[in-house]
Amino acid sequence: MTRDVLKNIEELLEEIQNDIETPDASYNLRTARQLLDVLYERNEELSVTVNEAVSDDELRERLSDLGYL
């Protein structure tokens, strides 16, 4: 779920950045997109870590259903 939200935000920012002609605004949007990439990577790392740490299949499935994994 979190991955989908981050991906949607990234796509929206990319569309806006392509339409913007002001260098300062474009820079700010590019920076925001880079920060989203950092969040996406951290979320992926967290998902892998939790997946490795949680041995209970039922708990892992519930966390996945809730969008945490």
PDB file of N, CA and C in Angstrom:
ATOM      1  N   MET A   1       0.821  -1.185   0.000  1.00  0.00           N
ATOM      2  CA  MET A   1       0.000   0.000   0.000  1.00  0.00           C
ATOM      3  C   MET A   1       0.869   1.255   0.000  1.00  0.00           C
ATOM      4  N   THR A   2       1.861   1.285   0.893  1.00  0.00           N
ATOM      5  CA  THR A   2       2.753   2.442   0.959  1.00  0.00           C
ATOM      6  C   THR A   2       3.492   2.616  -0.355  1.00  0.00           C
ATOM      7  N   ARG A   3       3.898   1.501  -0.951  1.00  0.00           N
ATOM      8  CA  ARG A   3       4.611   1.566  -2.230  1.00  0.00           C
ATOM      9  C   ARG A   3       3.741   2.207  -3.302  1.00  0.00           C
ATOM     10  N   ASP A   4       2.473   1.852  -3.320  1.00  0.00           N
ATOM     11  CA  ASP A   4       1.556   2.418  -4.312  1.00  0.00           C
ATOM     12  C   ASP A   4       1.383   3.920  -4.122  1.00  0.00           C
ATOM     13  N   VAL A   5       1.275   4.350  -2.884  1.00  0.00           N
ATOM     14  CA  VAL A   5       1.124   5.782  -2.589  1.00  0.00           C
ATOM     15  C   VAL A   5       2.365   6.539  -3.033  1.00  0.00           C
ATOM     16  N   LEU A   6       3.548   6.027  -2.686  1.00  0.00           N
ATOM     17  CA  LEU A   6       4.789   6.691  -3.082  1.00  0.00           C
ATOM     18  C   LEU A   6       4.921   6.740  -4.605  1.00  0.00           C
ATOM     19  N   LYS A   7       4.542   5.670  -5.271  1.00  0.00           N
ATOM     20  CA  LYS A   7       4.619   5.633  -6.731  1.00  0.00           C
ATOM     21  C   LYS A   7       3.656   6.643  -7.355  1.00  0.00           C
ATOM     22  N   ASN A   8       2.456   6.748  -6.813  1.00  0.00           N
ATOM     23  CA  ASN A   8       1.481   7.722  -7.325  1.00  0.00           C
ATOM     24  C   ASN A   8       1.974   9.151  -7.140  1.00  0.00           C
ATOM     25  N   ILE A   9       2.545   9.443  -5.982  1.00  0.00           N
ATOM     26  CA  ILE A   9       3.090  10.786  -5.734  1.00  0.00           C
ATOM     27  C   ILE A   9       4.207  11.076  -6.721  1.00  0.00           C
ATOM     28  N   GLU A  10       5.086  10.112  -6.936  1.00  0.00           N
ATOM     29  CA  GLU A  10       6.191  10.278  -7.883  1.00  0.00           C
ATOM     30  C   GLU A  10       5.672  10.588  -9.283  1.00  0.00           C
ATOM     31  N   GLU A  11       4.668   9.861  -9.726  1.00  0.00           N
ATOM     32  CA  GLU A  11       4.112  10.083 -11.063  1.00  0.00           C
ATOM     33  C   GLU A  11       3.486  11.473 -11.189  1.00  0.00           C
ATOM     34  N   LEU A  12       2.778  11.906 -10.162  1.00  0.00           N
ATOM     35  CA  LEU A  12       2.173  13.240 -10.191  1.00  0.00           C
ATOM     36  C   LEU A  12       3.240  14.330 -10.236  1.00  0.00           C
ATOM     37  N   LEU A  13       4.270  14.188  -9.419  1.00  0.00           N
ATOM     38  CA  LEU A  13       5.346  15.181  -9.415  1.00  0.00           C
ATOM     39  C   LEU A  13       6.079  15.207 -10.752  1.00  0.00           C
ATOM     40  N   GLU A  14       6.271  14.046 -11.346  1.00  0.00           N
ATOM     41  CA  GLU A  14       6.940  13.984 -12.646  1.00  0.00           C
ATOM     42  C   GLU A  14       6.130  14.716 -13.715  1.00  0.00           C
ATOM     43  N   GLU A  15       4.825  14.501 -13.723  1.00  0.00           N
ATOM     44  CA  GLU A  15       3.965  15.190 -14.692  1.00  0.00           C
ATOM     45  C   GLU A  15       4.033  16.703 -14.508  1.00  0.00           C
ATOM     46  N   ILE A  16       3.985  17.144 -13.261  1.00  0.00           N
ATOM     47  CA  ILE A  16       4.052  18.580 -12.987  1.00  0.00           C
ATOM     48  C   ILE A  16       5.403  19.133 -13.397  1.00  0.00           C
ATOM     49  N   GLN A  17       6.479  18.408 -13.072  1.00  0.00           N
ATOM     50  CA  GLN A  17       7.818  18.878 -13.409  1.00  0.00           C
ATOM     51  C   GLN A  17       7.975  19.033 -14.917  1.00  0.00           C
ATOM     52  N   ASN A  18       7.381  18.149 -15.679  1.00  0.00           N
ATOM     53  CA  ASN A  18       7.464  18.242 -17.142  1.00  0.00           C
ATOM     54  C   ASN A  18       6.722  19.460 -17.680  1.00  0.00           C
ATOM     55  N   ASP A  19       5.721  19.946 -16.951  1.00  0.00           N
ATOM     56  CA  ASP A  19       4.934  21.097 -17.389  1.00  0.00           C
ATOM     57  C   ASP A  19       5.487  22.436 -16.891  1.00  0.00           C
ATOM     58  N   ILE A  20       6.392  22.404 -15.944  1.00  0.00           N
ATOM     59  CA  ILE A  20       6.921  23.626 -15.319  1.00  0.00           C
ATOM     60  C   ILE A  20       8.104  24.147 -16.132  1.00  0.00           C
ATOM     61  N   GLU A  21       8.145  25.446 -16.305  1.00  0.00           N
ATOM     62  CA  GLU A  21       9.251  26.055 -17.038  1.00  0.00           C
ATOM     63  C   GLU A  21      10.172  26.870 -16.135  1.00  0.00           C
ATOM     64  N   THR A  22       9.753  27.135 -14.906  1.00  0.00           N
ATOM     65  CA  THR A  22      10.565  27.912 -13.976  1.00  0.00           C
ATOM     66  C   THR A  22      11.669  27.028 -13.403  1.00  0.00           C
ATOM     67  N   PRO A  23      12.932  27.421 -13.563  1.00  0.00           N
ATOM     68  CA  PRO A  23      14.035  26.586 -13.075  1.00  0.00           C
ATOM     69  C   PRO A  23      13.961  26.288 -11.569  1.00  0.00           C
ATOM     70  N   ASP A  24      13.589  27.278 -10.767  1.00  0.00           N
ATOM     71  CA  ASP A  24      13.517  27.055  -9.321  1.00  0.00           C
ATOM     72  C   ASP A  24      12.435  26.041  -8.964  1.00  0.00           C
ATOM     73  N   ALA A  25      11.293  26.150  -9.590  1.00  0.00           N
ATOM     74  CA  ALA A  25      10.203  25.206  -9.321  1.00  0.00           C
ATOM     75  C   ALA A  25      10.588  23.806  -9.791  1.00  0.00           C
ATOM     76  N   SER A  26      11.229  23.726 -10.940  1.00  0.00           N
ATOM     77  CA  SER A  26      11.672  22.432 -11.460  1.00  0.00           C
ATOM     78  C   SER A  26      12.689  21.794 -10.517  1.00  0.00           C
ATOM     79  N   TYR A  27      13.602  22.608 -10.001  1.00  0.00           N
ATOM     80  CA  TYR A  27      14.599  22.118  -9.041  1.00  0.00           C
ATOM     81  C   TYR A  27      13.913  21.571  -7.791  1.00  0.00           C
ATOM     82  N   ASN A  28      12.948  22.306  -7.264  1.00  0.00           N
ATOM     83  CA  ASN A  28      12.237  21.864  -6.058  1.00  0.00           C
ATOM     84  C   ASN A  28      11.474  20.564  -6.301  1.00  0.00           C
ATOM     85  N   LEU A  29      10.853  20.443  -7.447  1.00  0.00           N
ATOM     86  CA  LEU A  29      10.135  19.206  -7.772  1.00  0.00           C
ATOM     87  C   LEU A  29      11.097  18.034  -7.930  1.00  0.00           C
ATOM     88  N   ARG A  30      12.223  18.272  -8.571  1.00  0.00           N
ATOM     89  CA  ARG A  30      13.225  17.216  -8.732  1.00  0.00           C
ATOM     90  C   ARG A  30      13.741  16.762  -7.369  1.00  0.00           C
ATOM     91  N   THR A  31      13.970  17.717  -6.471  1.00  0.00           N
ATOM     92  CA  THR A  31      14.420  17.387  -5.120  1.00  0.00           C
ATOM     93  C   THR A  31      13.363  16.577  -4.380  1.00  0.00           C
ATOM     94  N   ALA A  32      12.105  16.961  -4.504  1.00  0.00           N
ATOM     95  CA  ALA A  32      11.016  16.217  -3.861  1.00  0.00           C
ATOM     96  C   ALA A  32      10.951  14.795  -4.400  1.00  0.00           C
ATOM     97  N   ARG A  33      11.144  14.631  -5.693  1.00  0.00           N
ATOM     98  CA  ARG A  33      11.124  13.290  -6.289  1.00  0.00           C
ATOM     99  C   ARG A  33      12.290  12.448  -5.786  1.00  0.00           C
ATOM    100  N   GLN A  34      13.445  13.062  -5.591  1.00  0.00           N
ATOM    101  CA  GLN A  34      14.594  12.332  -5.062  1.00  0.00           C
ATOM    102  C   GLN A  34      14.341  11.891  -3.620  1.00  0.00           C
ATOM    103  N   LEU A  35      13.695  12.745  -2.843  1.00  0.00           N
ATOM    104  CA  LEU A  35      13.353  12.377  -1.466  1.00  0.00           C
ATOM    105  C   LEU A  35      12.346  11.232  -1.438  1.00  0.00           C
ATOM    106  N   LEU A  36      11.420  11.223  -2.375  1.00  0.00           N
ATOM    107  CA  LEU A  36      10.480  10.105  -2.479  1.00  0.00           C
ATOM    108  C   LEU A  36      11.213   8.805  -2.790  1.00  0.00           C
ATOM    109  N   ASP A  37      12.239   8.887  -3.633  1.00  0.00           N
ATOM    110  CA  ASP A  37      13.039   7.696  -3.930  1.00  0.00           C
ATOM    111  C   ASP A  37      13.699   7.154  -2.668  1.00  0.00           C
ATOM    112  N   VAL A  38      14.188   8.059  -1.819  1.00  0.00           N
ATOM    113  CA  VAL A  38      14.796   7.641  -0.552  1.00  0.00           C
ATOM    114  C   VAL A  38      13.761   6.927   0.315  1.00  0.00           C
ATOM    115  N   LEU A  39      12.571   7.504   0.424  1.00  0.00           N
ATOM    116  CA  LEU A  39      11.506   6.871   1.212  1.00  0.00           C
ATOM    117  C   LEU A  39      11.126   5.510   0.643  1.00  0.00           C
ATOM    118  N   TYR A  40      11.057   5.416  -0.672  1.00  0.00           N
ATOM    119  CA  TYR A  40      10.710   4.152  -1.316  1.00  0.00           C
ATOM    120  C   TYR A  40      11.751   3.082  -0.981  1.00  0.00           C
ATOM    121  N   GLU A  41      13.033   3.438  -1.087  1.00  0.00           N
ATOM    122  CA  GLU A  41      14.105   2.488  -0.783  1.00  0.00           C
ATOM    123  C   GLU A  41      14.066   2.060   0.682  1.00  0.00           C
ATOM    124  N   ARG A  42      13.866   3.003   1.582  1.00  0.00           N
ATOM    125  CA  ARG A  42      13.781   2.665   3.009  1.00  0.00           C
ATOM    126  C   ARG A  42      12.597   1.752   3.281  1.00  0.00           C
ATOM    127  N   ASN A  43      11.486   2.008   2.626  1.00  0.00           N
ATOM    128  CA  ASN A  43      10.306   1.163   2.799  1.00  0.00           C
ATOM    129  C   ASN A  43      10.590  -0.257   2.309  1.00  0.00           C
ATOM    130  N   GLU A  44      11.272  -0.365   1.179  1.00  0.00           N
ATOM    131  CA  GLU A  44      11.625  -1.681   0.650  1.00  0.00           C
ATOM    132  C   GLU A  44      12.555  -2.420   1.609  1.00  0.00           C
ATOM    133  N   GLU A  45      13.566  -1.717   2.134  1.00  0.00           N
ATOM    134  CA  GLU A  45      14.499  -2.328   3.078  1.00  0.00           C
ATOM    135  C   GLU A  45      13.776  -2.784   4.339  1.00  0.00           C
ATOM    136  N   LEU A  46      12.863  -1.973   4.822  1.00  0.00           N
ATOM    137  CA  LEU A  46      12.089  -2.328   6.009  1.00  0.00           C
ATOM    138  C   LEU A  46      11.232  -3.559   5.749  1.00  0.00           C
ATOM    139  N   SER A  47      10.614  -3.626   4.601  1.00  0.00           N
ATOM    140  CA  SER A  47       9.786  -4.783   4.251  1.00  0.00           C
ATOM    141  C   SER A  47      10.612  -6.060   4.227  1.00  0.00           C
ATOM    142  N   VAL A  48      11.797  -5.990   3.641  1.00  0.00           N
ATOM    143  CA  VAL A  48      12.674  -7.160   3.587  1.00  0.00           C
ATOM    144  C   VAL A  48      13.097  -7.569   4.988  1.00  0.00           C
ATOM    145  N   THR A  49      13.478  -6.604   5.813  1.00  0.00           N
ATOM    146  CA  THR A  49      13.911  -6.889   7.177  1.00  0.00           C
ATOM    147  C   THR A  49      12.801  -7.531   7.991  1.00  0.00           C
ATOM    148  N   VAL A  50      11.609  -6.979   7.913  1.00  0.00           N
ATOM    149  CA  VAL A  50      10.474  -7.534   8.662  1.00  0.00           C
ATOM    150  C   VAL A  50      10.148  -8.929   8.142  1.00  0.00           C
ATOM    151  N   ASN A  51      10.177  -9.104   6.839  1.00  0.00           N
ATOM    152  CA  ASN A  51       9.908 -10.412   6.248  1.00  0.00           C
ATOM    153  C   ASN A  51      10.886 -11.456   6.766  1.00  0.00           C
ATOM    154  N   GLU A  52      12.150 -11.082   6.881  1.00  0.00           N
ATOM    155  CA  GLU A  52      13.162 -12.008   7.372  1.00  0.00           C
ATOM    156  C   GLU A  52      13.017 -12.259   8.866  1.00  0.00           C
ATOM    157  N   ALA A  53      12.585 -11.251   9.609  1.00  0.00           N
ATOM    158  CA  ALA A  53      12.500 -11.363  11.067  1.00  0.00           C
ATOM    159  C   ALA A  53      11.241 -12.081  11.530  1.00  0.00           C
ATOM    160  N   VAL A  54      10.166 -11.957  10.796  1.00  0.00           N
ATOM    161  CA  VAL A  54       8.891 -12.548  11.202  1.00  0.00           C
ATOM    162  C   VAL A  54       8.825 -13.973  10.658  1.00  0.00           C
ATOM    163  N   SER A  55       8.777 -14.925  11.573  1.00  0.00           N
ATOM    164  CA  SER A  55       8.746 -16.322  11.147  1.00  0.00           C
ATOM    165  C   SER A  55       7.325 -16.869  11.052  1.00  0.00           C
ATOM    166  N   ASP A  56       6.380 -16.190  11.647  1.00  0.00           N
ATOM    167  CA  ASP A  56       4.990 -16.635  11.643  1.00  0.00           C
ATOM    168  C   ASP A  56       4.337 -16.256  10.311  1.00  0.00           C
ATOM    169  N   ASP A  57       3.996 -17.263   9.519  1.00  0.00           N
ATOM    170  CA  ASP A  57       3.407 -17.016   8.197  1.00  0.00           C
ATOM    171  C   ASP A  57       2.087 -16.262   8.280  1.00  0.00           C
ATOM    172  N   GLU A  58       1.280 -16.581   9.283  1.00  0.00           N
ATOM    173  CA  GLU A  58      -0.017 -15.910   9.432  1.00  0.00           C
ATOM    174  C   GLU A  58       0.179 -14.427   9.734  1.00  0.00           C
ATOM    175  N   LEU A  59       1.116 -14.116  10.626  1.00  0.00           N
ATOM    176  CA  LEU A  59       1.398 -12.719  10.957  1.00  0.00           C
ATOM    177  C   LEU A  59       1.943 -11.989   9.734  1.00  0.00           C
ATOM    178  N   ARG A  60       2.840 -12.626   8.997  1.00  0.00           N
ATOM    179  CA  ARG A  60       3.404 -12.015   7.796  1.00  0.00           C
ATOM    180  C   ARG A  60       2.295 -11.725   6.776  1.00  0.00           C
ATOM    181  N   GLU A  61       1.358 -12.660   6.632  1.00  0.00           N
ATOM    182  CA  GLU A  61       0.245 -12.461   5.703  1.00  0.00           C
ATOM    183  C   GLU A  61      -0.649 -11.306   6.148  1.00  0.00           C
ATOM    184  N   ARG A  62      -0.904 -11.211   7.451  1.00  0.00           N
ATOM    185  CA  ARG A  62      -1.729 -10.112   7.964  1.00  0.00           C
ATOM    186  C   ARG A  62      -1.044  -8.767   7.752  1.00  0.00           C
ATOM    187  N   LEU A  63       0.263  -8.709   8.006  1.00  0.00           N
ATOM    188  CA  LEU A  63       1.013  -7.470   7.775  1.00  0.00           C
ATOM    189  C   LEU A  63       0.988  -7.095   6.293  1.00  0.00           C
ATOM    190  N   SER A  64       1.081  -8.081   5.439  1.00  0.00           N
ATOM    191  CA  SER A  64       1.028  -7.830   4.001  1.00  0.00           C
ATOM    192  C   SER A  64      -0.347  -7.316   3.589  1.00  0.00           C
ATOM    193  N   ASP A  65      -1.394  -7.923   4.127  1.00  0.00           N
ATOM    194  CA  ASP A  65      -2.758  -7.479   3.814  1.00  0.00           C
ATOM    195  C   ASP A  65      -3.001  -6.037   4.247  1.00  0.00           C
ATOM    196  N   LEU A  66      -2.349  -5.635   5.328  1.00  0.00           N
ATOM    197  CA  LEU A  66      -2.506  -4.271   5.833  1.00  0.00           C
ATOM    198  C   LEU A  66      -1.618  -3.267   5.093  1.00  0.00           C
ATOM    199  N   GLY A  67      -0.759  -3.784   4.201  1.00  0.00           N
ATOM    200  CA  GLY A  67       0.086  -2.902   3.410  1.00  0.00           C
ATOM    201  C   GLY A  67       1.433  -2.604   4.025  1.00  0.00           C
ATOM    202  N   TYR A  68       1.793  -3.309   5.090  1.00  0.00           N
ATOM    203  CA  TYR A  68       3.076  -3.060   5.732  1.00  0.00           C
ATOM    204  C   TYR A  68       4.213  -3.798   5.046  1.00  0.00           C
ATOM    205  N   LEU A  69       3.907  -4.852   4.333  1.00  0.00           N
ATOM    206  CA  LEU A  69       4.940  -5.615   3.627  1.00  0.00           C
ATOM    207  C   LEU A  69       4.660  -5.634   2.141  1.00  0.00           C
TER     208      LEU A  69
END
